[in-house]
Amino acid sequence: MDNFCKQNLMDTQDSHQEEQTQNSETVNGGTVSEGGLKDLGKGNEDKKIFVGGIAYDVTNEDLSQYFSQYGEVAQAQVKYDRNTGRSRGFAFVEFTTGEACRAALNAREQSLKGKTVEVKPAKSRENKKVFVGGLPADHPG
């Protein structure tokens, strides 16, 4: 596996693990942390959006303020590179209702801090598969 693939796989795993363990407490099947609600169990996909192409200086508060025009925001989270601490240029926003989420998705063109952003439904990582090529034929698995 080349270094690029290894790093991306490690970043994905670290990000997921970090989300699960960072100052959190389990309550009613969901995880509550200092940053707000996380992983409210299965079925929150209809309340969560992916926001891509954000400016590097956009904060969680900026996202929360902007997207609150569509409804109450439960959590807004910019994703950061664990090595550099710099924004990775995307974020997730979770609303308290599916209606608010749909309103955000139906808005035509969205601009945050002067930059047009891409808003799509968030997809769960659970069903994602990663292709790893170039392994020796005798590799177990």
Foldseek 3Di string as FASTA:
>chain_A
DDPVVVVVVVQVVVVVVCLVPPQWDDDPNWIAHPQFTDCSDPPQLLFKKKKAQADFPDDFVLVQVQLCVLPHWRGKAFDADPVPRTTPGMIMTGHPDSRSLVSVQPDDWDAGPRRTIDMDRDDDCPPDDDDDDDDDPPDDD
